[in-house]
Every structure is written in C-alpha cells, then in structure tokens.
PDB file of N, CA and C in Angstrom:
ATOM      1  N   MET A   1     -56.311  82.792 -28.577  1.00  0.00           N
ATOM      2  CA  MET A   1     -55.131  81.948 -28.563  1.00  0.00           C
ATOM      3  C   MET A   1     -54.066  82.591 -27.678  1.00  0.00           C
ATOM      4  N   ILE A   2     -53.374  81.758 -26.916  1.00  0.00           N
ATOM      5  CA  ILE A   2     -52.341  82.242 -25.997  1.00  0.00           C
ATOM      6  C   ILE A   2     -51.025  82.395 -26.764  1.00  0.00           C
ATOM      7  N   PRO A   3     -50.349  83.515 -26.627  1.00  0.00           N
ATOM      8  CA  PRO A   3     -49.084  83.692 -27.356  1.00  0.00           C
ATOM      9  C   PRO A   3     -47.974  82.793 -26.796  1.00  0.00           C
ATOM     10  N   SER A   4     -47.029  82.501 -27.640  1.00  0.00           N
ATOM     11  CA  SER A   4     -45.918  81.619 -27.253  1.00  0.00           C
ATOM     12  C   SER A   4     -45.072  82.212 -26.139  1.00  0.00           C
ATOM     13  N   GLN A   5     -44.969  83.525 -26.106  1.00  0.00           N
ATOM     14  CA  GLN A   5     -44.156  84.165 -25.073  1.00  0.00           C
ATOM     15  C   GLN A   5     -44.686  83.839 -23.678  1.00  0.00           C
ATOM     16  N   ALA A   6     -45.990  83.692 -23.535  1.00  0.00           N
ATOM     17  CA  ALA A   6     -46.560  83.349 -22.226  1.00  0.00           C
ATOM     18  C   ALA A   6     -46.079  81.978 -21.766  1.00  0.00           C
ATOM     19  N   PHE A   7     -46.007  81.029 -22.678  1.00  0.00           N
ATOM     20  CA  PHE A   7     -45.516  79.699 -22.322  1.00  0.00           C
ATOM     21  C   PHE A   7     -44.036  79.736 -21.959  1.00  0.00           C
ATOM     22  N   PHE A   8     -43.270  80.547 -22.690  1.00  0.00           N
ATOM     23  CA  PHE A   8     -41.848  80.673 -22.357  1.00  0.00           C
ATOM     24  C   PHE A   8     -41.652  81.317 -20.992  1.00  0.00           C
ATOM     25  N   VAL A   9     -42.494  82.282 -20.663  1.00  0.00           N
ATOM     26  CA  VAL A   9     -42.404  82.929 -19.345  1.00  0.00           C
ATOM     27  C   VAL A   9     -42.771  81.945 -18.235  1.00  0.00           C
ATOM     28  N   VAL A  10     -43.832  81.179 -18.430  1.00  0.00           N
ATOM     29  CA  VAL A  10     -44.229  80.173 -17.438  1.00  0.00           C
ATOM     30  C   VAL A  10     -43.126  79.137 -17.268  1.00  0.00           C
ATOM     31  N   SER A  11     -42.526  78.726 -18.369  1.00  0.00           N
ATOM     32  CA  SER A  11     -41.435  77.765 -18.308  1.00  0.00           C
ATOM     33  C   SER A  11     -40.237  78.325 -17.539  1.00  0.00           C
ATOM     34  N   ALA A  12     -39.905  79.577 -17.782  1.00  0.00           N
ATOM     35  CA  ALA A  12     -38.790  80.203 -17.067  1.00  0.00           C
ATOM     36  C   ALA A  12     -39.089  80.310 -15.577  1.00  0.00           C
ATOM     37  N   ILE A  13     -40.325  80.654 -15.235  1.00  0.00           N
ATOM     38  CA  ILE A  13     -40.707  80.750 -13.826  1.00  0.00           C
ATOM     39  C   ILE A  13     -40.620  79.380 -13.161  1.00  0.00           C
ATOM     40  N   LEU A  14     -41.123  78.340 -13.821  1.00  0.00           N
ATOM     41  CA  LEU A  14     -41.028  76.986 -13.279  1.00  0.00           C
ATOM     42  C   LEU A  14     -39.576  76.564 -13.078  1.00  0.00           C
ATOM     43  N   PHE A  15     -38.729  76.891 -14.039  1.00  0.00           N
ATOM     44  CA  PHE A  15     -37.320  76.513 -13.935  1.00  0.00           C
ATOM     45  C   PHE A  15     -36.655  77.235 -12.766  1.00  0.00           C
ATOM     46  N   VAL A  16     -36.941  78.515 -12.609  1.00  0.00           N
ATOM     47  CA  VAL A  16     -36.340  79.279 -11.503  1.00  0.00           C
ATOM     48  C   VAL A  16     -36.832  78.755 -10.157  1.00  0.00           C
ATOM     49  N   ILE A  17     -38.114  78.425 -10.048  1.00  0.00           N
ATOM     50  CA  ILE A  17     -38.625  77.847  -8.805  1.00  0.00           C
ATOM     51  C   ILE A  17     -37.929  76.518  -8.509  1.00  0.00           C
ATOM     52  N   GLY A  18     -37.712  75.713  -9.544  1.00  0.00           N
ATOM     53  CA  GLY A  18     -37.003  74.447  -9.366  1.00  0.00           C
ATOM     54  C   GLY A  18     -35.570  74.640  -8.914  1.00  0.00           C
ATOM     55  N   VAL A  19     -34.878  75.606  -9.497  1.00  0.00           N
ATOM     56  CA  VAL A  19     -33.493  75.878  -9.099  1.00  0.00           C
ATOM     57  C   VAL A  19     -33.435  76.355  -7.653  1.00  0.00           C
ATOM     58  N   ILE A  20     -34.329  77.260  -7.295  1.00  0.00           N
ATOM     59  CA  ILE A  20     -34.342  77.766  -5.919  1.00  0.00           C
ATOM     60  C   ILE A  20     -34.659  76.631  -4.940  1.00  0.00           C
ATOM     61  N   GLY A  21     -35.601  75.787  -5.295  1.00  0.00           N
ATOM     62  CA  GLY A  21     -35.934  74.658  -4.430  1.00  0.00           C
ATOM     63  C   GLY A  21     -34.795  73.670  -4.288  1.00  0.00           C
ATOM     64  N   ALA A  22     -34.077  73.418  -5.376  1.00  0.00           N
ATOM     65  CA  ALA A  22     -32.962  72.470  -5.318  1.00  0.00           C
ATOM     66  C   ALA A  22     -31.790  73.024  -4.515  1.00  0.00           C
ATOM     67  N   ILE A  23     -31.608  74.327  -4.545  1.00  0.00           N
ATOM     68  CA  ILE A  23     -30.476  74.926  -3.837  1.00  0.00           C
ATOM     69  C   ILE A  23     -30.770  75.148  -2.359  1.00  0.00           C
ATOM     70  N   THR A  24     -31.976  75.575  -2.029  1.00  0.00           N
ATOM     71  CA  THR A  24     -32.250  76.004  -0.658  1.00  0.00           C
ATOM     72  C   THR A  24     -32.794  74.921   0.252  1.00  0.00           C
ATOM     73  N   ARG A  25     -33.394  73.897  -0.256  1.00  0.00           N
ATOM     74  CA  ARG A  25     -34.022  72.888   0.602  1.00  0.00           C
ATOM     75  C   ARG A  25     -33.021  71.849   1.072  1.00  0.00           C
ATOM     76  N   ARG A  26     -33.311  71.254   2.223  1.00  0.00           N
ATOM     77  CA  ARG A  26     -32.438  70.244   2.814  1.00  0.00           C
ATOM     78  C   ARG A  26     -32.989  68.830   2.684  1.00  0.00           C
ATOM     79  N   ASN A  27     -34.290  68.699   2.462  1.00  0.00           N
ATOM     80  CA  ASN A  27     -34.903  67.390   2.339  1.00  0.00           C
ATOM     81  C   ASN A  27     -34.637  66.837   0.937  1.00  0.00           C
ATOM     82  N   ALA A  28     -34.184  65.600   0.870  1.00  0.00           N
ATOM     83  CA  ALA A  28     -33.815  65.002  -0.413  1.00  0.00           C
ATOM     84  C   ALA A  28     -35.018  64.843  -1.334  1.00  0.00           C
ATOM     85  N   ILE A  29     -36.186  64.576  -0.781  1.00  0.00           N
ATOM     86  CA  ILE A  29     -37.389  64.428  -1.612  1.00  0.00           C
ATOM     87  C   ILE A  29     -37.762  65.763  -2.247  1.00  0.00           C
ATOM     88  N   ILE A  30     -37.651  66.849  -1.501  1.00  0.00           N
ATOM     89  CA  ILE A  30     -37.954  68.178  -2.041  1.00  0.00           C
ATOM     90  C   ILE A  30     -36.958  68.543  -3.137  1.00  0.00           C
ATOM     91  N   VAL A  31     -35.692  68.231  -2.927  1.00  0.00           N
ATOM     92  CA  VAL A  31     -34.673  68.493  -3.955  1.00  0.00           C
ATOM     93  C   VAL A  31     -34.990  67.681  -5.213  1.00  0.00           C
ATOM     94  N   PHE A  32     -35.385  66.446  -5.021  1.00  0.00           N
ATOM     95  CA  PHE A  32     -35.743  65.568  -6.134  1.00  0.00           C
ATOM     96  C   PHE A  32     -36.938  66.139  -6.917  1.00  0.00           C
ATOM     97  N   MET A  33     -37.969  66.602  -6.200  1.00  0.00           N
ATOM     98  CA  MET A  33     -39.129  67.183  -6.866  1.00  0.00           C
ATOM     99  C   MET A  33     -38.764  68.482  -7.576  1.00  0.00           C
ATOM    100  N   SER A  34     -37.823  69.233  -7.041  1.00  0.00           N
ATOM    101  CA  SER A  34     -37.379  70.464  -7.697  1.00  0.00           C
ATOM    102  C   SER A  34     -36.671  70.157  -9.013  1.00  0.00           C
ATOM    103  N   ILE A  35     -35.888  69.114  -9.018  1.00  0.00           N
ATOM    104  CA  ILE A  35     -35.213  68.706 -10.252  1.00  0.00           C
ATOM    105  C   ILE A  35     -36.243  68.242 -11.288  1.00  0.00           C
ATOM    106  N   GLU A  36     -37.258  67.523 -10.840  1.00  0.00           N
ATOM    107  CA  GLU A  36     -38.328  67.112 -11.752  1.00  0.00           C
ATOM    108  C   GLU A  36     -39.065  68.327 -12.312  1.00  0.00           C
ATOM    109  N   MET A  37     -39.241  69.364 -11.486  1.00  0.00           N
ATOM    110  CA  MET A  37     -39.899  70.580 -11.955  1.00  0.00           C
ATOM    111  C   MET A  37     -39.063  71.258 -13.031  1.00  0.00           C
ATOM    112  N   MET A  38     -37.743  71.243 -12.868  1.00  0.00           N
ATOM    113  CA  MET A  38     -36.875  71.821 -13.897  1.00  0.00           C
ATOM    114  C   MET A  38     -36.980  71.029 -15.199  1.00  0.00           C
ATOM    115  N   LEU A  39     -37.066  69.708 -15.110  1.00  0.00           N
ATOM    116  CA  LEU A  39     -37.232  68.898 -16.317  1.00  0.00           C
ATOM    117  C   LEU A  39     -38.567  69.203 -17.004  1.00  0.00           C
ATOM    118  N   ASN A  40     -39.618  69.410 -16.227  1.00  0.00           N
ATOM    119  CA  ASN A  40     -40.912  69.763 -16.819  1.00  0.00           C
ATOM    120  C   ASN A  40     -40.867  71.134 -17.477  1.00  0.00           C
ATOM    121  N   ALA A  41     -40.123  72.063 -16.899  1.00  0.00           N
ATOM    122  CA  ALA A  41     -39.978  73.381 -17.519  1.00  0.00           C
ATOM    123  C   ALA A  41     -39.275  73.275 -18.860  1.00  0.00           C
ATOM    124  N   VAL A  42     -38.261  72.444 -18.923  1.00  0.00           N
ATOM    125  CA  VAL A  42     -37.553  72.237 -20.196  1.00  0.00           C
ATOM    126  C   VAL A  42     -38.482  71.590 -21.214  1.00  0.00           C
ATOM    127  N   SER A  43     -39.290  70.644 -20.778  1.00  0.00           N
ATOM    128  CA  SER A  43     -40.240  70.001 -21.692  1.00  0.00           C
ATOM    129  C   SER A  43     -41.246  70.999 -22.239  1.00  0.00           C
ATOM    130  N   LEU A  44     -41.740  71.878 -21.369  1.00  0.00           N
ATOM    131  CA  LEU A  44     -42.677  72.907 -21.828  1.00  0.00           C
ATOM    132  C   LEU A  44     -42.021  73.829 -22.846  1.00  0.00           C
ATOM    133  N   THR A  45     -40.763  74.174 -22.616  1.00  0.00           N
ATOM    134  CA  THR A  45     -40.039  75.015 -23.572  1.00  0.00           C
ATOM    135  C   THR A  45     -39.886  74.312 -24.915  1.00  0.00           C
ATOM    136  N   LEU A  46     -39.544  73.041 -24.886  1.00  0.00           N
ATOM    137  CA  LEU A  46     -39.359  72.296 -26.137  1.00  0.00           C
ATOM    138  C   LEU A  46     -40.670  72.167 -26.916  1.00  0.00           C
ATOM    139  N   VAL A  47     -41.757  71.897 -26.227  1.00  0.00           N
ATOM    140  CA  VAL A  47     -43.049  71.767 -26.915  1.00  0.00           C
ATOM    141  C   VAL A  47     -43.485  73.111 -27.491  1.00  0.00           C
ATOM    142  N   THR A  48     -43.278  74.185 -26.727  1.00  0.00           N
ATOM    143  CA  THR A  48     -43.650  75.509 -27.220  1.00  0.00           C
ATOM    144  C   THR A  48     -42.813  75.894 -28.433  1.00  0.00           C
ATOM    145  N   ALA A  49     -41.519  75.615 -28.381  1.00  0.00           N
ATOM    146  CA  ALA A  49     -40.648  75.938 -29.513  1.00  0.00           C
ATOM    147  C   ALA A  49     -41.032  75.132 -30.745  1.00  0.00           C
ATOM    148  N   SER A  50     -41.329  73.855 -30.550  1.00  0.00           N
ATOM    149  CA  SER A  50     -41.713  73.048 -31.714  1.00  0.00           C
ATOM    150  C   SER A  50     -43.057  73.489 -32.281  1.00  0.00           C
ATOM    151  N   SER A  51     -43.957  73.937 -31.421  1.00  0.00           N
ATOM    152  CA  SER A  51     -45.240  74.446 -31.910  1.00  0.00           C
ATOM    153  C   SER A  51     -45.062  75.763 -32.659  1.00  0.00           C
ATOM    154  N   THR A  52     -44.185  76.621 -32.137  1.00  0.00           N
ATOM    155  CA  THR A  52     -43.930  77.906 -32.781  1.00  0.00           C
ATOM    156  C   THR A  52     -43.259  77.725 -34.136  1.00  0.00           C
ATOM    157  N   LEU A  53     -42.334  76.784 -34.222  1.00  0.00           N
ATOM    158  CA  LEU A  53     -41.587  76.554 -35.453  1.00  0.00           C
ATOM    159  C   LEU A  53     -42.275  75.557 -36.389  1.00  0.00           C
ATOM    160  N   HIS A  54     -43.437  75.042 -35.975  1.00  0.00           N
ATOM    161  CA  HIS A  54     -44.180  74.063 -36.775  1.00  0.00           C
ATOM    162  C   HIS A  54     -43.304  72.862 -37.117  1.00  0.00           C
ATOM    163  N   SER A  55     -42.681  72.326 -36.076  1.00  0.00           N
ATOM    164  CA  SER A  55     -41.789  71.190 -36.234  1.00  0.00           C
ATOM    165  C   SER A  55     -42.169  70.115 -35.220  1.00  0.00           C
ATOM    166  N   ILE A  56     -41.759  68.906 -35.459  1.00  0.00           N
ATOM    167  CA  ILE A  56     -42.022  67.797 -34.556  1.00  0.00           C
ATOM    168  C   ILE A  56     -40.788  67.472 -33.713  1.00  0.00           C
ATOM    169  N   ASP A  57     -39.664  68.113 -33.989  1.00  0.00           N
ATOM    170  CA  ASP A  57     -38.411  67.792 -33.304  1.00  0.00           C
ATOM    171  C   ASP A  57     -38.481  68.028 -31.803  1.00  0.00           C
ATOM    172  N   GLY A  58     -39.089  69.108 -31.375  1.00  0.00           N
ATOM    173  CA  GLY A  58     -39.189  69.410 -29.954  1.00  0.00           C
ATOM    174  C   GLY A  58     -39.991  68.368 -29.201  1.00  0.00           C
ATOM    175  N   VAL A  59     -41.051  67.874 -29.826  1.00  0.00           N
ATOM    176  CA  VAL A  59     -41.885  66.855 -29.196  1.00  0.00           C
ATOM    177  C   VAL A  59     -41.113  65.551 -29.050  1.00  0.00           C
ATOM    178  N   MET A  60     -40.279  65.240 -30.028  1.00  0.00           N
ATOM    179  CA  MET A  60     -39.452  64.032 -29.921  1.00  0.00           C
ATOM    180  C   MET A  60     -38.454  64.151 -28.772  1.00  0.00           C
ATOM    181  N   PHE A  61     -37.891  65.329 -28.587  1.00  0.00           N
ATOM    182  CA  PHE A  61     -36.987  65.532 -27.461  1.00  0.00           C
ATOM    183  C   PHE A  61     -37.719  65.405 -26.135  1.00  0.00           C
ATOM    184  N   VAL A  62     -38.976  65.807 -26.081  1.00  0.00           N
ATOM    185  CA  VAL A  62     -39.759  65.687 -24.848  1.00  0.00           C
ATOM    186  C   VAL A  62     -39.913  64.221 -24.458  1.00  0.00           C
ATOM    187  N   PHE A  63     -40.073  63.354 -25.422  1.00  0.00           N
ATOM    188  CA  PHE A  63     -40.156  61.932 -25.098  1.00  0.00           C
ATOM    189  C   PHE A  63     -38.851  61.438 -24.481  1.00  0.00           C
ATOM    190  N   PHE A  64     -37.722  61.930 -24.957  1.00  0.00           N
ATOM    191  CA  PHE A  64     -36.445  61.569 -24.346  1.00  0.00           C
ATOM    192  C   PHE A  64     -36.333  62.133 -22.933  1.00  0.00           C
ATOM    193  N   VAL A  65     -36.793  63.351 -22.738  1.00  0.00           N
ATOM    194  CA  VAL A  65     -36.761  63.956 -21.400  1.00  0.00           C
ATOM    195  C   VAL A  65     -37.657  63.168 -20.449  1.00  0.00           C
ATOM    196  N   MET A  66     -38.823  62.746 -20.919  1.00  0.00           N
ATOM    197  CA  MET A  66     -39.721  61.957 -20.076  1.00  0.00           C
ATOM    198  C   MET A  66     -39.106  60.608 -19.723  1.00  0.00           C
ATOM    199  N   THR A  67     -38.392  60.008 -20.659  1.00  0.00           N
ATOM    200  CA  THR A  67     -37.716  58.740 -20.392  1.00  0.00           C
ATOM    201  C   THR A  67     -36.633  58.912 -19.339  1.00  0.00           C
ATOM    202  N   VAL A  68     -35.852  59.971 -19.461  1.00  0.00           N
ATOM    203  CA  VAL A  68     -34.810  60.247 -18.470  1.00  0.00           C
ATOM    204  C   VAL A  68     -35.434  60.533 -17.109  1.00  0.00           C
ATOM    205  N   ALA A  69     -36.541  61.263 -17.081  1.00  0.00           N
ATOM    206  CA  ALA A  69     -37.210  61.579 -15.816  1.00  0.00           C
ATOM    207  C   ALA A  69     -37.757  60.315 -15.154  1.00  0.00           C
ATOM    208  N   ALA A  70     -38.288  59.395 -15.940  1.00  0.00           N
ATOM    209  CA  ALA A  70     -38.796  58.143 -15.371  1.00  0.00           C
ATOM    210  C   ALA A  70     -37.658  57.304 -14.800  1.00  0.00           C
ATOM    211  N   ALA A  71     -36.548  57.229 -15.521  1.00  0.00           N
ATOM    212  CA  ALA A  71     -35.395  56.485 -15.011  1.00  0.00           C
ATOM    213  C   ALA A  71     -34.834  57.157 -13.764  1.00  0.00           C
ATOM    214  N   GLU A  72     -34.787  58.482 -13.771  1.00  0.00           N
ATOM    215  CA  GLU A  72     -34.307  59.225 -12.604  1.00  0.00           C
ATOM    216  C   GLU A  72     -35.201  58.975 -11.401  1.00  0.00           C
ATOM    217  N   ALA A  73     -36.494  58.939 -11.615  1.00  0.00           N
ATOM    218  CA  ALA A  73     -37.424  58.699 -10.512  1.00  0.00           C
ATOM    219  C   ALA A  73     -37.226  57.315  -9.918  1.00  0.00           C
ATOM    220  N   ALA A  74     -37.072  56.322 -10.749  1.00  0.00           N
ATOM    221  CA  ALA A  74     -36.893  54.960 -10.253  1.00  0.00           C
ATOM    222  C   ALA A  74     -35.586  54.813  -9.478  1.00  0.00           C
ATOM    223  N   VAL A  75     -34.506  55.280 -10.061  1.00  0.00           N
ATOM    224  CA  VAL A  75     -33.201  55.155  -9.406  1.00  0.00           C
ATOM    225  C   VAL A  75     -33.120  56.062  -8.185  1.00  0.00           C
ATOM    226  N   GLY A  76     -33.625  57.286  -8.309  1.00  0.00           N
ATOM    227  CA  GLY A  76     -33.566  58.230  -7.195  1.00  0.00           C
ATOM    228  C   GLY A  76     -34.349  57.751  -5.992  1.00  0.00           C
ATOM    229  N   LEU A  77     -35.555  57.252  -6.205  1.00  0.00           N
ATOM    230  CA  LEU A  77     -36.344  56.766  -5.074  1.00  0.00           C
ATOM    231  C   LEU A  77     -35.727  55.528  -4.438  1.00  0.00           C
ATOM    232  N   ALA A  78     -35.101  54.677  -5.225  1.00  0.00           N
ATOM    233  CA  ALA A  78     -34.401  53.521  -4.655  1.00  0.00           C
ATOM    234  C   ALA A  78     -33.218  53.970  -3.795  1.00  0.00           C
ATOM    235  N   ILE A  79     -32.481  54.964  -4.263  1.00  0.00           N
ATOM    236  CA  ILE A  79     -31.366  55.484  -3.482  1.00  0.00           C
ATOM    237  C   ILE A  79     -31.866  56.133  -2.205  1.00  0.00           C
ATOM    238  N   PHE A  80     -32.962  56.902  -2.277  1.00  0.00           N
ATOM    239  CA  PHE A  80     -33.513  57.525  -1.076  1.00  0.00           C
ATOM    240  C   PHE A  80     -33.966  56.484  -0.063  1.00  0.00           C
ATOM    241  N   LEU A  81     -34.553  55.399  -0.545  1.00  0.00           N
ATOM    242  CA  LEU A  81     -34.997  54.344   0.347  1.00  0.00           C
ATOM    243  C   LEU A  81     -33.811  53.716   1.077  1.00  0.00           C
ATOM    244  N   LEU A  82     -32.745  53.439   0.351  1.00  0.00           N
ATOM    245  CA  LEU A  82     -31.554  52.867   0.980  1.00  0.00           C
ATOM    246  C   LEU A  82     -30.893  53.844   1.951  1.00  0.00           C
ATOM    247  N   MET A  83     -30.868  55.110   1.585  1.00  0.00           N
ATOM    248  CA  MET A  83     -30.273  56.102   2.476  1.00  0.00           C
ATOM    249  C   MET A  83     -31.106  56.270   3.742  1.00  0.00           C
ATOM    250  N   TYR A  84     -32.426  56.211   3.614  1.00  0.00           N
ATOM    251  CA  TYR A  84     -33.274  56.332   4.788  1.00  0.00           C
ATOM    252  C   TYR A  84     -33.098  55.127   5.705  1.00  0.00           C
ATOM    253  N   ARG A  85     -32.961  53.955   5.134  1.00  0.00           N
ATOM    254  CA  ARG A  85     -32.734  52.756   5.956  1.00  0.00           C
ATOM    255  C   ARG A  85     -31.422  52.839   6.722  1.00  0.00           C
ATOM    256  N   ARG A  86     -30.412  53.431   6.100  1.00  0.00           N
ATOM    257  CA  ARG A  86     -29.102  53.502   6.748  1.00  0.00           C
ATOM    258  C   ARG A  86     -29.021  54.618   7.785  1.00  0.00           C
ATOM    259  N   LYS A  87     -29.563  55.794   7.497  1.00  0.00           N
ATOM    260  CA  LYS A  87     -29.390  56.971   8.365  1.00  0.00           C
ATOM    261  C   LYS A  87     -30.657  57.385   9.109  1.00  0.00           C
ATOM    262  N   ASN A  88     -31.828  56.853   8.756  1.00  0.00           N
ATOM    263  CA  ASN A  88     -33.116  57.240   9.346  1.00  0.00           C
ATOM    264  C   ASN A  88     -33.442  58.716   9.152  1.00  0.00           C
ATOM    265  N   THR A  89     -32.963  59.311   8.116  1.00  0.00           N
ATOM    266  CA  THR A  89     -33.292  60.689   7.783  1.00  0.00           C
ATOM    267  C   THR A  89     -33.136  60.894   6.285  1.00  0.00           C
ATOM    268  N   LEU A  90     -33.773  61.944   5.786  1.00  0.00           N
ATOM    269  CA  LEU A  90     -33.627  62.301   4.374  1.00  0.00           C
ATOM    270  C   LEU A  90     -33.040  63.695   4.213  1.00  0.00           C
ATOM    271  N   LYS A  91     -32.399  64.202   5.257  1.00  0.00           N
ATOM    272  CA  LYS A  91     -31.758  65.510   5.167  1.00  0.00           C
ATOM    273  C   LYS A  91     -30.459  65.381   4.381  1.00  0.00           C
ATOM    274  N   VAL A  92     -30.302  66.221   3.389  1.00  0.00           N
ATOM    275  CA  VAL A  92     -29.158  66.137   2.484  1.00  0.00           C
ATOM    276  C   VAL A  92     -27.842  66.415   3.225  1.00  0.00           C
ATOM    277  N   ASP A  93     -27.894  67.273   4.228  1.00  0.00           N
ATOM    278  CA  ASP A  93     -26.677  67.635   4.958  1.00  0.00           C
ATOM    279  C   ASP A  93     -26.064  66.460   5.709  1.00  0.00           C
ATOM    280  N   GLU A  94     -26.850  65.483   6.074  1.00  0.00           N
ATOM    281  CA  GLU A  94     -26.361  64.369   6.883  1.00  0.00           C
ATOM    282  C   GLU A  94     -25.849  63.192   6.060  1.00  0.00           C
ATOM    283  N   PHE A  95     -25.913  63.287   4.759  1.00  0.00           N
ATOM    284  CA  PHE A  95     -25.429  62.208   3.910  1.00  0.00           C
ATOM    285  C   PHE A  95     -23.978  62.465   3.525  1.00  0.00           C
ATOM    286  N   ASN A  96     -23.099  61.681   4.092  1.00  0.00           N
ATOM    287  CA  ASN A  96     -21.678  61.776   3.757  1.00  0.00           C
ATOM    288  C   ASN A  96     -21.148  60.382   3.462  1.00  0.00           C
ATOM    289  N   LEU A  97     -21.934  59.580   2.765  1.00  0.00           N
ATOM    290  CA  LEU A  97     -21.578  58.191   2.506  1.00  0.00           C
ATOM    291  C   LEU A  97     -20.388  58.062   1.569  1.00  0.00           C
ATOM    292  N   LEU A  98     -20.110  59.044   0.756  1.00  0.00           N
ATOM    293  CA  LEU A  98     -19.013  58.948  -0.217  1.00  0.00           C
ATOM    294  C   LEU A  98     -17.711  59.520   0.321  1.00  0.00           C
ATOM    295  N   LYS A  99     -17.722  60.090   1.510  1.00  0.00           N
ATOM    296  CA  LYS A  99     -16.505  60.647   2.074  1.00  0.00           C
ATOM    297  C   LYS A  99     -15.632  59.554   2.637  1.00  0.00           C
ATOM    298  N   GLY A 100     -14.321  59.758   2.494  1.00  0.00           N
ATOM    299  CA  GLY A 100     -13.337  58.930   3.167  1.00  0.00           C
ATOM    300  C   GLY A 100     -13.068  57.641   2.541  1.00  0.00           C
TER     301      GLY A 100
END
C-alpha cells in the first residue's frame, strides 16, 4: 500500500509545476492548462485527506472542484476563441482589451 505522504508530495509537485507554468508562460492555452493542473492537485489532496481521515467530505469537495473546472473550461475556451478572432494570437502579453 502506498502511504498518504506520497500522494501529498505528488500533489505538491503538481501544484508547483502548475504555478510555475502559469507564471512563466506567455501562451494563454498553456496558462489555462497550468491552472487546470493546480485544480487537479487540489483534488488529489482532498481525496487523499478524505481517505486518510476515513471521511467522505473531501470527495464531495472534489465534485465541486470538478464542476468549477468544467465551467472554467467552457468559459475560458470561449474567451480564448473570441480573443484569437480579434487579435490573431494567444500570447497573454498582447491582450490589453480592458485597458482604457
């Protein structure tokens, strides 16, 4: 059996990779995928904690996280599509639609 600490370490590594990807990348799709990776890391942490504590609460929170991630994916991809149509690029640095 794999100890719970291993899952927490994997979750922390996934979260750090997501943060680094969201901060350093310029492509909006890569930033979006990094944010999704951070949400998956949080879900893994919640499932591991609920398994360790023999509770169902963490699993219920994961369903809420999955719902938020699905809504984020739908809205985010629609926004990216509109931004690409307007600017012909997905580089985050070139989006200044809210300025002025």
